[in-house]
Amino acid sequence: MPFAMHCPQNGPSCATTTTMNDRLNQLADIFQAMANLLAALRANPYRVRAYRKAAEVVLTITGDLTDLATRRQLQEIPGIGKDLAGKIEEFLATGTIRAYEELKTPLPKEVAEWASLPGLSDALVSYLYFRLNIRTLADLESLVASHLLRTQPGFSGSEDALLAAIRGQLQSTTSTPPVEAP
């Protein structure tokens, strides 16, 4: 049975309609993409597996997902717990899932550049930024100085070399004289 799809850019009522099957496919794609993004960030493997399983399970639903959500029966679906049920309800209400939008947000340019520092990789920088909330070079310096970075899988360098590189960058940003007007 067709129903109106929420289109945030055009307001809640769009001329586009879709079938429940299309919505289930879209939701499964989002859950699969979330699993892939979480795997790239080296998230808990059980969490990654839960999203992969949810993507598979959603495709097997034959009833009206909106009706199941309204009757609070989403958690009765094998593989769908409280957290995933909440994400399904959010998807049905808004057409997207906030956690997914946050996951696919790219790193700020200055943070992405950290991957060029000794011992850091793109995956490790993403993990530090999104999972450990390391937002500045000063935060990264504190993490390395505390010797906690060495406990992270994927760190392959010398803490001393990384600290020297970080401190060099921090000094160059603080010692650069401001540009004077002519």
C-alpha atoms as a PDB file:
ATOM      1  CA  MET A   1       0.000   0.000   0.000  1.00  0.00           C
ATOM      2  CA  PRO A   2       1.584   3.355  -1.004  1.00  0.00           C
ATOM      3  CA  PHE A   3       2.015   6.149   1.505  1.00  0.00           C
ATOM      4  CA  ALA A   4       3.528   9.634   1.480  1.00  0.00           C
ATOM      5  CA  MET A   5       7.198   9.713   2.311  1.00  0.00           C
ATOM      6  CA  HIS A   6       8.591  12.421   4.586  1.00  0.00           C
ATOM      7  CA  CYS A   7      10.887  14.706   2.610  1.00  0.00           C
ATOM      8  CA  PRO A   8      12.800  17.011   4.961  1.00  0.00           C
ATOM      9  CA  GLN A   9      13.979  19.302   2.183  1.00  0.00           C
ATOM     10  CA  ASN A  10      10.442  19.879   0.868  1.00  0.00           C
ATOM     11  CA  GLY A  11       8.533  19.705   4.113  1.00  0.00           C
ATOM     12  CA  PRO A  12       6.577  16.824   5.576  1.00  0.00           C
ATOM     13  CA  SER A  13       4.315  16.338   2.593  1.00  0.00           C
ATOM     14  CA  CYS A  14       5.932  15.391  -0.739  1.00  0.00           C
ATOM     15  CA  ALA A  15       4.335  14.562  -4.016  1.00  0.00           C
ATOM     16  CA  THR A  16       6.565  11.459  -4.104  1.00  0.00           C
ATOM     17  CA  THR A  17       4.981   8.280  -2.803  1.00  0.00           C
ATOM     18  CA  THR A  18       6.662   5.014  -2.147  1.00  0.00           C
ATOM     19  CA  THR A  19       5.689   1.514  -1.179  1.00  0.00           C
ATOM     20  CA  MET A  20       6.380  -0.093   2.165  1.00  0.00           C
ATOM     21  CA  ASN A  21       8.796  -2.406   0.362  1.00  0.00           C
ATOM     22  CA  ASP A  22      10.809   0.592  -0.858  1.00  0.00           C
ATOM     23  CA  ARG A  23      10.926   1.965   2.689  1.00  0.00           C
ATOM     24  CA  LEU A  24      12.085  -1.397   4.049  1.00  0.00           C
ATOM     25  CA  ASN A  25      14.846  -1.501   1.420  1.00  0.00           C
ATOM     26  CA  GLN A  26      15.875   2.055   2.300  1.00  0.00           C
ATOM     27  CA  LEU A  27      15.974   1.213   6.020  1.00  0.00           C
ATOM     28  CA  ALA A  28      17.977  -1.967   5.345  1.00  0.00           C
ATOM     29  CA  ASP A  29      20.444   0.070   3.263  1.00  0.00           C
ATOM     30  CA  ILE A  30      20.866   2.553   6.124  1.00  0.00           C
ATOM     31  CA  PHE A  31      21.454  -0.220   8.664  1.00  0.00           C
ATOM     32  CA  GLN A  32      23.990  -1.880   6.328  1.00  0.00           C
ATOM     33  CA  ALA A  33      25.765   1.444   5.761  1.00  0.00           C
ATOM     34  CA  MET A  34      25.849   2.043   9.529  1.00  0.00           C
ATOM     35  CA  ALA A  35      27.419  -1.389  10.025  1.00  0.00           C
ATOM     36  CA  ASN A  36      30.066  -0.626   7.405  1.00  0.00           C
ATOM     37  CA  LEU A  37      30.861   2.792   8.883  1.00  0.00           C
ATOM     38  CA  LEU A  38      31.034   1.381  12.407  1.00  0.00           C
ATOM     39  CA  ALA A  39      33.314  -1.425  11.201  1.00  0.00           C
ATOM     40  CA  ALA A  40      35.613   1.182   9.619  1.00  0.00           C
ATOM     41  CA  LEU A  41      35.707   2.983  12.982  1.00  0.00           C
ATOM     42  CA  ARG A  42      36.501  -0.325  14.703  1.00  0.00           C
ATOM     43  CA  ALA A  43      33.373  -0.142  16.814  1.00  0.00           C
ATOM     44  CA  ASN A  44      32.303  -3.013  19.009  1.00  0.00           C
ATOM     45  CA  PRO A  45      31.977  -6.039  16.672  1.00  0.00           C
ATOM     46  CA  TYR A  46      28.706  -7.048  18.348  1.00  0.00           C
ATOM     47  CA  ARG A  47      27.252  -3.650  17.493  1.00  0.00           C
ATOM     48  CA  VAL A  48      28.416  -3.969  13.870  1.00  0.00           C
ATOM     49  CA  ARG A  49      26.865  -7.437  13.700  1.00  0.00           C
ATOM     50  CA  ALA A  50      23.601  -6.146  15.202  1.00  0.00           C
ATOM     51  CA  TYR A  51      23.241  -3.574  12.402  1.00  0.00           C
ATOM     52  CA  ARG A  52      24.060  -6.187   9.745  1.00  0.00           C
ATOM     53  CA  LYS A  53      21.479  -8.547  11.248  1.00  0.00           C
ATOM     54  CA  ALA A  54      18.911  -5.723  11.448  1.00  0.00           C
ATOM     55  CA  ALA A  55      19.483  -4.973   7.752  1.00  0.00           C
ATOM     56  CA  GLU A  56      18.754  -8.616   6.910  1.00  0.00           C
ATOM     57  CA  VAL A  57      15.758  -8.872   9.239  1.00  0.00           C
ATOM     58  CA  VAL A  58      14.117  -5.683   7.979  1.00  0.00           C
ATOM     59  CA  LEU A  59      14.012  -7.168   4.489  1.00  0.00           C
ATOM     60  CA  THR A  60      12.036 -10.155   5.765  1.00  0.00           C
ATOM     61  CA  ILE A  61       9.213  -8.058   7.268  1.00  0.00           C
ATOM     62  CA  THR A  62       5.990  -8.676   5.404  1.00  0.00           C
ATOM     63  CA  GLY A  63       3.618  -6.560   7.474  1.00  0.00           C
ATOM     64  CA  ASP A  64       3.234  -2.819   7.725  1.00  0.00           C
ATOM     65  CA  LEU A  65       6.274  -1.517   9.615  1.00  0.00           C
ATOM     66  CA  THR A  66       4.431   1.661  10.612  1.00  0.00           C
ATOM     67  CA  ASP A  67       1.654  -0.428  12.119  1.00  0.00           C
ATOM     68  CA  LEU A  68       4.159  -2.546  14.056  1.00  0.00           C
ATOM     69  CA  ALA A  69       5.785   0.625  15.386  1.00  0.00           C
ATOM     70  CA  THR A  70       2.444   2.153  16.355  1.00  0.00           C
ATOM     71  CA  ARG A  71       1.530  -1.004  18.276  1.00  0.00           C
ATOM     72  CA  ARG A  72       5.001  -1.029  19.920  1.00  0.00           C
ATOM     73  CA  GLN A  73       5.735  -4.476  18.461  1.00  0.00           C
ATOM     74  CA  LEU A  74       9.071  -3.779  16.771  1.00  0.00           C
ATOM     75  CA  GLN A  75      11.008  -5.454  19.586  1.00  0.00           C
ATOM     76  CA  GLU A  76       9.083  -8.663  18.943  1.00  0.00           C
ATOM     77  CA  ILE A  77      10.953  -8.956  15.639  1.00  0.00           C
ATOM     78  CA  PRO A  78      13.958 -11.262  16.161  1.00  0.00           C
ATOM     79  CA  GLY A  79      17.161  -9.213  16.120  1.00  0.00           C
ATOM     80  CA  ILE A  80      15.439  -5.898  16.874  1.00  0.00           C
ATOM     81  CA  GLY A  81      16.045  -4.626  20.391  1.00  0.00           C
ATOM     82  CA  LYS A  82      15.091  -1.414  22.107  1.00  0.00           C
ATOM     83  CA  ASP A  83      17.844   0.685  20.474  1.00  0.00           C
ATOM     84  CA  LEU A  84      17.140  -0.529  16.940  1.00  0.00           C
ATOM     85  CA  ALA A  85      13.387  -0.196  17.471  1.00  0.00           C
ATOM     86  CA  GLY A  86      13.967   3.449  18.404  1.00  0.00           C
ATOM     87  CA  LYS A  87      16.006   3.979  15.245  1.00  0.00           C
ATOM     88  CA  ILE A  88      13.268   2.387  13.132  1.00  0.00           C
ATOM     89  CA  GLU A  89      10.680   4.682  14.732  1.00  0.00           C
ATOM     90  CA  GLU A  90      12.933   7.673  14.053  1.00  0.00           C
ATOM     91  CA  PHE A  91      13.309   6.569  10.425  1.00  0.00           C
ATOM     92  CA  LEU A  92       9.551   6.199  10.023  1.00  0.00           C
ATOM     93  CA  ALA A  93       8.963   9.654  11.511  1.00  0.00           C
ATOM     94  CA  THR A  94      11.764  11.579   9.781  1.00  0.00           C
ATOM     95  CA  GLY A  95      12.979   9.537   6.819  1.00  0.00           C
ATOM     96  CA  THR A  96      16.480   9.252   8.283  1.00  0.00           C
ATOM     97  CA  ILE A  97      18.385   8.241  11.409  1.00  0.00           C
ATOM     98  CA  ARG A  98      20.400  10.928  13.218  1.00  0.00           C
ATOM     99  CA  ALA A  99      23.088   8.439  14.301  1.00  0.00           C
ATOM    100  CA  TYR A 100      23.596   7.497  10.636  1.00  0.00           C
ATOM    101  CA  GLU A 101      23.883  11.134   9.573  1.00  0.00           C
ATOM    102  CA  GLU A 102      26.505  11.680  12.281  1.00  0.00           C
ATOM    103  CA  LEU A 103      28.443   8.575  11.234  1.00  0.00           C
ATOM    104  CA  LYS A 104      28.690   9.630   7.619  1.00  0.00           C
ATOM    105  CA  THR A 105      29.782  13.168   8.464  1.00  0.00           C
ATOM    106  CA  PRO A 106      33.335  13.587   7.222  1.00  0.00           C
ATOM    107  CA  LEU A 107      36.158  14.591   9.510  1.00  0.00           C
ATOM    108  CA  PRO A 108      37.032  18.280   9.641  1.00  0.00           C
ATOM    109  CA  LYS A 109      39.955  19.009   7.275  1.00  0.00           C
ATOM    110  CA  GLU A 110      42.386  19.879  10.065  1.00  0.00           C
ATOM    111  CA  VAL A 111      41.585  16.603  11.867  1.00  0.00           C
ATOM    112  CA  ALA A 112      41.822  14.497   8.686  1.00  0.00           C
ATOM    113  CA  GLU A 113      45.340  15.883   8.208  1.00  0.00           C
ATOM    114  CA  TRP A 114      46.428  14.126  11.418  1.00  0.00           C
ATOM    115  CA  ALA A 115      46.686  10.922   9.369  1.00  0.00           C
ATOM    116  CA  SER A 116      49.970  12.296   8.012  1.00  0.00           C
ATOM    117  CA  LEU A 117      51.468  12.333  11.521  1.00  0.00           C
ATOM    118  CA  PRO A 118      53.841   9.454  12.394  1.00  0.00           C
ATOM    119  CA  GLY A 119      51.995   6.283  13.420  1.00  0.00           C
ATOM    120  CA  LEU A 120      48.473   7.515  12.623  1.00  0.00           C
ATOM    121  CA  SER A 121      46.180   6.256   9.861  1.00  0.00           C
ATOM    122  CA  ASP A 122      42.859   7.493   8.478  1.00  0.00           C
ATOM    123  CA  ALA A 123      40.983   4.761  10.383  1.00  0.00           C
ATOM    124  CA  LEU A 124      42.732   5.532  13.659  1.00  0.00           C
ATOM    125  CA  VAL A 125      42.143   9.285  13.291  1.00  0.00           C
ATOM    126  CA  SER A 126      38.423   8.638  12.651  1.00  0.00           C
ATOM    127  CA  TYR A 127      38.300   6.404  15.702  1.00  0.00           C
ATOM    128  CA  LEU A 128      40.011   9.023  17.876  1.00  0.00           C
ATOM    129  CA  TYR A 129      37.688  11.767  16.666  1.00  0.00           C
ATOM    130  CA  PHE A 130      34.336   9.983  16.716  1.00  0.00           C
ATOM    131  CA  ARG A 131      34.794   7.426  19.482  1.00  0.00           C
ATOM    132  CA  LEU A 132      37.269   9.072  21.857  1.00  0.00           C
ATOM    133  CA  ASN A 133      36.153  12.665  21.178  1.00  0.00           C
ATOM    134  CA  ILE A 134      39.704  13.870  20.430  1.00  0.00           C
ATOM    135  CA  ARG A 135      38.955  17.201  18.712  1.00  0.00           C
ATOM    136  CA  THR A 136      42.151  19.276  18.815  1.00  0.00           C
ATOM    137  CA  LEU A 137      45.883  18.781  18.489  1.00  0.00           C
ATOM    138  CA  ALA A 138      46.130  19.640  22.193  1.00  0.00           C
ATOM    139  CA  ASP A 139      43.677  16.791  22.943  1.00  0.00           C
ATOM    140  CA  LEU A 140      45.783  14.456  20.801  1.00  0.00           C
ATOM    141  CA  GLU A 141      48.950  15.605  22.550  1.00  0.00           C
ATOM    142  CA  SER A 142      47.384  14.828  25.955  1.00  0.00           C
ATOM    143  CA  LEU A 143      46.300  11.385  24.780  1.00  0.00           C
ATOM    144  CA  VAL A 144      49.761  10.519  23.479  1.00  0.00           C
ATOM    145  CA  ALA A 145      51.514  11.972  26.550  1.00  0.00           C
ATOM    146  CA  SER A 146      49.285   9.847  28.810  1.00  0.00           C
ATOM    147  CA  HIS A 147      50.513   6.717  26.948  1.00  0.00           C
ATOM    148  CA  LEU A 148      46.915   5.716  26.218  1.00  0.00           C
ATOM    149  CA  LEU A 149      47.305   5.900  22.444  1.00  0.00           C
ATOM    150  CA  ARG A 150      49.612   2.877  22.525  1.00  0.00           C
ATOM    151  CA  THR A 151      46.672   0.806  23.800  1.00  0.00           C
ATOM    152  CA  GLN A 152      44.671   1.533  20.642  1.00  0.00           C
ATOM    153  CA  PRO A 153      44.809  -1.054  17.869  1.00  0.00           C
ATOM    154  CA  GLY A 154      46.183   0.506  14.729  1.00  0.00           C
ATOM    155  CA  PHE A 155      48.762   2.769  16.346  1.00  0.00           C
ATOM    156  CA  SER A 156      51.998   1.780  14.667  1.00  0.00           C
ATOM    157  CA  GLY A 157      54.505   4.448  15.531  1.00  0.00           C
ATOM    158  CA  SER A 158      56.682   5.837  18.231  1.00  0.00           C
ATOM    159  CA  GLU A 159      54.974   7.964  20.858  1.00  0.00           C
ATOM    160  CA  ASP A 160      58.070  10.178  21.011  1.00  0.00           C
ATOM    161  CA  ALA A 161      58.053  10.813  17.257  1.00  0.00           C
ATOM    162  CA  LEU A 162      54.317  11.535  17.301  1.00  0.00           C
ATOM    163  CA  LEU A 163      54.638  13.893  20.278  1.00  0.00           C
ATOM    164  CA  ALA A 164      57.465  15.753  18.549  1.00  0.00           C
ATOM    165  CA  ALA A 165      55.371  16.141  15.377  1.00  0.00           C
ATOM    166  CA  ILE A 166      52.319  17.324  17.327  1.00  0.00           C
ATOM    167  CA  ARG A 167      54.346  19.812  19.363  1.00  0.00           C
ATOM    168  CA  GLY A 168      56.004  21.060  16.176  1.00  0.00           C
ATOM    169  CA  GLN A 169      52.598  21.746  14.648  1.00  0.00           C
ATOM    170  CA  LEU A 170      51.307  23.360  17.824  1.00  0.00           C
ATOM    171  CA  GLN A 171      54.367  25.655  17.959  1.00  0.00           C
ATOM    172  CA  SER A 172      54.060  26.640  14.310  1.00  0.00           C
ATOM    173  CA  THR A 173      50.424  27.650  14.784  1.00  0.00           C
ATOM    174  CA  THR A 174      51.139  29.706  17.913  1.00  0.00           C
ATOM    175  CA  SER A 175      54.399  31.294  16.728  1.00  0.00           C
ATOM    176  CA  THR A 176      53.210  32.351  13.280  1.00  0.00           C
ATOM    177  CA  PRO A 177      53.025  36.125  13.387  1.00  0.00           C
ATOM    178  CA  PRO A 178      49.768  37.654  12.206  1.00  0.00           C
ATOM    179  CA  VAL A 179      49.738  39.062   8.719  1.00  0.00           C
ATOM    180  CA  GLU A 180      50.003  42.826   8.861  1.00  0.00           C
ATOM    181  CA  ALA A 181      47.978  45.075   6.650  1.00  0.00           C
ATOM    182  CA  PRO A 182      50.047  47.126   4.139  1.00  0.00           C
END
